[in-house]
């Protein structure tokens, strides 16, 4: 499945960015990571929201 995602982004890879956001659980204190592929012009908005 990962190969399909990479192959689909190669045609216009400059228009998208893979972002990884780290969250900490209030209950356990463990960290979780959320990965998304979003347009480059939306990256600042993605990290600004909680």
PDB file of N, CA and C in Angstrom:
ATOM      1  N   UNK A   1       0.824  -1.191   0.000  1.00  0.00           N
ATOM      2  CA  UNK A   1       0.000   0.000   0.000  1.00  0.00           C
ATOM      3  C   UNK A   1       0.870   1.257   0.000  1.00  0.00           C
ATOM      4  N   UNK A   2       1.962   1.245   0.698  1.00  0.00           N
ATOM      5  CA  UNK A   2       2.827   2.422   0.747  1.00  0.00           C
ATOM      6  C   UNK A   2       3.398   2.740  -0.629  1.00  0.00           C
ATOM      7  N   UNK A   3       3.640   1.716  -1.430  1.00  0.00           N
ATOM      8  CA  UNK A   3       4.181   1.956  -2.756  1.00  0.00           C
ATOM      9  C   UNK A   3       3.199   2.742  -3.613  1.00  0.00           C
ATOM     10  N   UNK A   4       1.918   2.474  -3.452  1.00  0.00           N
ATOM     11  CA  UNK A   4       0.908   3.190  -4.223  1.00  0.00           C
ATOM     12  C   UNK A   4       0.874   4.669  -3.844  1.00  0.00           C
ATOM     13  N   UNK A   5       0.997   4.971  -2.568  1.00  0.00           N
ATOM     14  CA  UNK A   5       0.981   6.363  -2.112  1.00  0.00           C
ATOM     15  C   UNK A   5       2.187   7.103  -2.669  1.00  0.00           C
ATOM     16  N   UNK A   6       3.352   6.498  -2.585  1.00  0.00           N
ATOM     17  CA  UNK A   6       4.569   7.129  -3.083  1.00  0.00           C
ATOM     18  C   UNK A   6       4.477   7.320  -4.587  1.00  0.00           C
ATOM     19  N   UNK A   7       3.969   6.314  -5.286  1.00  0.00           N
ATOM     20  CA  UNK A   7       3.868   6.401  -6.741  1.00  0.00           C
ATOM     21  C   UNK A   7       2.888   7.489  -7.160  1.00  0.00           C
ATOM     22  N   UNK A   8       1.825   7.679  -6.408  1.00  0.00           N
ATOM     23  CA  UNK A   8       0.844   8.690  -6.785  1.00  0.00           C
ATOM     24  C   UNK A   8       1.346  10.102  -6.503  1.00  0.00           C
ATOM     25  N   UNK A   9       2.278  10.257  -5.555  1.00  0.00           N
ATOM     26  CA  UNK A   9       2.794  11.576  -5.228  1.00  0.00           C
ATOM     27  C   UNK A   9       3.964  11.992  -6.109  1.00  0.00           C
ATOM     28  N   UNK A  10       4.556  11.088  -6.844  1.00  0.00           N
ATOM     29  CA  UNK A  10       5.725  11.416  -7.635  1.00  0.00           C
ATOM     30  C   UNK A  10       5.403  12.377  -8.778  1.00  0.00           C
ATOM     31  N   UNK A  11       4.211  12.344  -9.286  1.00  0.00           N
ATOM     32  CA  UNK A  11       3.868  13.232 -10.393  1.00  0.00           C
ATOM     33  C   UNK A  11       3.783  14.685  -9.948  1.00  0.00           C
ATOM     34  N   UNK A  12       3.313  14.922  -8.748  1.00  0.00           N
ATOM     35  CA  UNK A  12       3.194  16.292  -8.248  1.00  0.00           C
ATOM     36  C   UNK A  12       3.637  16.348  -6.787  1.00  0.00           C
ATOM     37  N   UNK A  13       4.796  15.842  -6.479  1.00  0.00           N
ATOM     38  CA  UNK A  13       5.272  15.744  -5.113  1.00  0.00           C
ATOM     39  C   UNK A  13       5.533  17.077  -4.450  1.00  0.00           C
ATOM     40  N   UNK A  14       5.738  18.123  -5.239  1.00  0.00           N
ATOM     41  CA  UNK A  14       6.021  19.430  -4.647  1.00  0.00           C
ATOM     42  C   UNK A  14       4.757  20.091  -4.110  1.00  0.00           C
ATOM     43  N   UNK A  15       3.607  19.584  -4.487  1.00  0.00           N
ATOM     44  CA  UNK A  15       2.346  20.170  -4.050  1.00  0.00           C
ATOM     45  C   UNK A  15       1.857  19.603  -2.722  1.00  0.00           C
ATOM     46  N   UNK A  16       2.466  18.516  -2.250  1.00  0.00           N
ATOM     47  CA  UNK A  16       2.015  17.858  -1.032  1.00  0.00           C
ATOM     48  C   UNK A  16       3.172  17.675  -0.070  1.00  0.00           C
ATOM     49  N   UNK A  17       2.841  17.592   1.216  1.00  0.00           N
ATOM     50  CA  UNK A  17       3.850  17.362   2.240  1.00  0.00           C
ATOM     51  C   UNK A  17       3.329  16.311   3.213  1.00  0.00           C
ATOM     52  N   UNK A  18       4.227  15.462   3.679  1.00  0.00           N
ATOM     53  CA  UNK A  18       3.871  14.482   4.689  1.00  0.00           C
ATOM     54  C   UNK A  18       4.193  15.098   6.042  1.00  0.00           C
ATOM     55  N   UNK A  19       3.185  15.234   6.886  1.00  0.00           N
ATOM     56  CA  UNK A  19       3.374  15.855   8.199  1.00  0.00           C
ATOM     57  C   UNK A  19       3.127  14.806   9.280  1.00  0.00           C
ATOM     58  N   UNK A  20       3.891  14.934  10.343  1.00  0.00           N
ATOM     59  CA  UNK A  20       3.765  14.027  11.482  1.00  0.00           C
ATOM     60  C   UNK A  20       3.541  14.875  12.722  1.00  0.00           C
ATOM     61  N   UNK A  21       2.432  14.645  13.395  1.00  0.00           N
ATOM     62  CA  UNK A  21       2.080  15.405  14.582  1.00  0.00           C
ATOM     63  C   UNK A  21       2.142  14.489  15.799  1.00  0.00           C
ATOM     64  N   UNK A  22       2.783  14.959  16.853  1.00  0.00           N
ATOM     65  CA  UNK A  22       2.937  14.172  18.065  1.00  0.00           C
ATOM     66  C   UNK A  22       1.936  14.648  19.110  1.00  0.00           C
ATOM     67  N   UNK A  23       1.222  13.704  19.698  1.00  0.00           N
ATOM     68  CA  UNK A  23       0.255  14.003  20.754  1.00  0.00           C
ATOM     69  C   UNK A  23       0.597  13.177  21.979  1.00  0.00           C
ATOM     70  N   UNK A  24       0.345  13.744  23.145  1.00  0.00           N
ATOM     71  CA  UNK A  24       0.584  13.023  24.391  1.00  0.00           C
ATOM     72  C   UNK A  24      -0.750  12.725  25.060  1.00  0.00           C
ATOM     73  N   UNK A  25      -0.930  11.498  25.450  1.00  0.00           N
ATOM     74  CA  UNK A  25      -2.157  11.067  26.108  1.00  0.00           C
ATOM     75  C   UNK A  25      -2.190  11.589  27.539  1.00  0.00           C
ATOM     76  N   UNK A  26      -3.327  12.130  27.941  1.00  0.00           N
ATOM     77  CA  UNK A  26      -3.475  12.627  29.309  1.00  0.00           C
ATOM     78  C   UNK A  26      -3.568  11.479  30.318  1.00  0.00           C
ATOM     79  N   UNK A  27      -4.157  10.359  29.901  1.00  0.00           N
ATOM     80  CA  UNK A  27      -4.334   9.221  30.802  1.00  0.00           C
ATOM     81  C   UNK A  27      -3.014   8.514  31.103  1.00  0.00           C
ATOM     82  N   UNK A  28      -2.324   8.110  30.044  1.00  0.00           N
ATOM     83  CA  UNK A  28      -1.149   7.259  30.234  1.00  0.00           C
ATOM     84  C   UNK A  28       0.165   8.011  30.112  1.00  0.00           C
ATOM     85  N   UNK A  29       0.158   9.156  29.480  1.00  0.00           N
ATOM     86  CA  UNK A  29       1.391   9.900  29.267  1.00  0.00           C
ATOM     87  C   UNK A  29       2.181   9.406  28.069  1.00  0.00           C
ATOM     88  N   UNK A  30       1.634   8.442  27.351  1.00  0.00           N
ATOM     89  CA  UNK A  30       2.313   7.893  26.183  1.00  0.00           C
ATOM     90  C   UNK A  30       2.134   8.828  24.989  1.00  0.00           C
ATOM     91  N   UNK A  31       3.091   8.801  24.092  1.00  0.00           N
ATOM     92  CA  UNK A  31       3.028   9.620  22.890  1.00  0.00           C
ATOM     93  C   UNK A  31       2.433   8.830  21.739  1.00  0.00           C
ATOM     94  N   UNK A  32       1.628   9.511  20.944  1.00  0.00           N
ATOM     95  CA  UNK A  32       1.096   8.929  19.722  1.00  0.00           C
ATOM     96  C   UNK A  32       1.467   9.847  18.572  1.00  0.00           C
ATOM     97  N   UNK A  33       1.633   9.271  17.418  1.00  0.00           N
ATOM     98  CA  UNK A  33       2.014  10.029  16.236  1.00  0.00           C
ATOM     99  C   UNK A  33       0.950   9.865  15.171  1.00  0.00           C
ATOM    100  N   UNK A  34       0.575  10.994  14.576  1.00  0.00           N
ATOM    101  CA  UNK A  34      -0.429  10.986  13.518  1.00  0.00           C
ATOM    102  C   UNK A  34       0.232  11.493  12.243  1.00  0.00           C
ATOM    103  N   UNK A  35       0.217  10.687  11.196  1.00  0.00           N
ATOM    104  CA  UNK A  35       0.827  11.053   9.925  1.00  0.00           C
ATOM    105  C   UNK A  35      -0.264  11.341   8.904  1.00  0.00           C
ATOM    106  N   UNK A  36      -0.072  12.412   8.141  1.00  0.00           N
ATOM    107  CA  UNK A  36      -1.005  12.763   7.076  1.00  0.00           C
ATOM    108  C   UNK A  36      -0.245  13.345   5.904  1.00  0.00           C
ATOM    109  N   UNK A  37      -0.827  13.254   4.736  1.00  0.00           N
ATOM    110  CA  UNK A  37      -0.287  13.903   3.551  1.00  0.00           C
ATOM    111  C   UNK A  37      -1.275  14.996   3.177  1.00  0.00           C
ATOM    112  N   UNK A  38      -0.796  16.237   3.232  1.00  0.00           N
ATOM    113  CA  UNK A  38      -1.659  17.389   3.003  1.00  0.00           C
ATOM    114  C   UNK A  38      -1.006  18.334   2.004  1.00  0.00           C
ATOM    115  N   UNK A  39      -1.780  19.225   1.399  1.00  0.00           N
ATOM    116  CA  UNK A  39      -1.188  20.219   0.490  1.00  0.00           C
ATOM    117  C   UNK A  39      -0.222  21.136   1.237  1.00  0.00           C
ATOM    118  N   UNK A  40       0.817  21.587   0.568  1.00  0.00           N
ATOM    119  CA  UNK A  40       1.856  22.382   1.221  1.00  0.00           C
ATOM    120  C   UNK A  40       1.320  23.715   1.740  1.00  0.00           C
ATOM    121  N   UNK A  41       0.314  24.267   1.117  1.00  0.00           N
ATOM    122  CA  UNK A  41      -0.204  25.545   1.591  1.00  0.00           C
ATOM    123  C   UNK A  41      -1.068  25.405   2.857  1.00  0.00           C
ATOM    124  N   UNK A  42      -1.385  24.200   3.264  1.00  0.00           N
ATOM    125  CA  UNK A  42      -2.195  23.967   4.467  1.00  0.00           C
ATOM    126  C   UNK A  42      -1.361  23.504   5.665  1.00  0.00           C
ATOM    127  N   UNK A  43      -0.031  23.440   5.546  1.00  0.00           N
ATOM    128  CA  UNK A  43       0.807  22.893   6.601  1.00  0.00           C
ATOM    129  C   UNK A  43       0.746  23.759   7.860  1.00  0.00           C
ATOM    130  N   UNK A  44       0.854  25.060   7.742  1.00  0.00           N
ATOM    131  CA  UNK A  44       0.823  25.934   8.917  1.00  0.00           C
ATOM    132  C   UNK A  44      -0.527  25.855   9.611  1.00  0.00           C
ATOM    133  N   UNK A  45      -1.595  25.773   8.857  1.00  0.00           N
ATOM    134  CA  UNK A  45      -2.927  25.659   9.443  1.00  0.00           C
ATOM    135  C   UNK A  45      -3.074  24.333  10.198  1.00  0.00           C
ATOM    136  N   UNK A  46      -2.483  23.268   9.655  1.00  0.00           N
ATOM    137  CA  UNK A  46      -2.569  21.953  10.276  1.00  0.00           C
ATOM    138  C   UNK A  46      -1.910  21.954  11.662  1.00  0.00           C
ATOM    139  N   UNK A  47      -0.751  22.572  11.777  1.00  0.00           N
ATOM    140  CA  UNK A  47      -0.054  22.598  13.063  1.00  0.00           C
ATOM    141  C   UNK A  47      -0.617  23.660  14.002  1.00  0.00           C
ATOM    142  N   UNK A  48      -1.320  24.648  13.496  1.00  0.00           N
ATOM    143  CA  UNK A  48      -1.902  25.680  14.346  1.00  0.00           C
ATOM    144  C   UNK A  48      -3.112  25.166  15.120  1.00  0.00           C
ATOM    145  N   UNK A  49      -3.899  24.263  14.509  1.00  0.00           N
ATOM    146  CA  UNK A  49      -5.076  23.739  15.206  1.00  0.00           C
ATOM    147  C   UNK A  49      -4.669  22.655  16.182  1.00  0.00           C
ATOM    148  N   UNK A  50      -5.487  22.484  17.202  1.00  0.00           N
ATOM    149  CA  UNK A  50      -5.168  21.497  18.241  1.00  0.00           C
ATOM    150  C   UNK A  50      -6.089  20.316  18.131  1.00  0.00           C
TER     151      UNK A  50
END
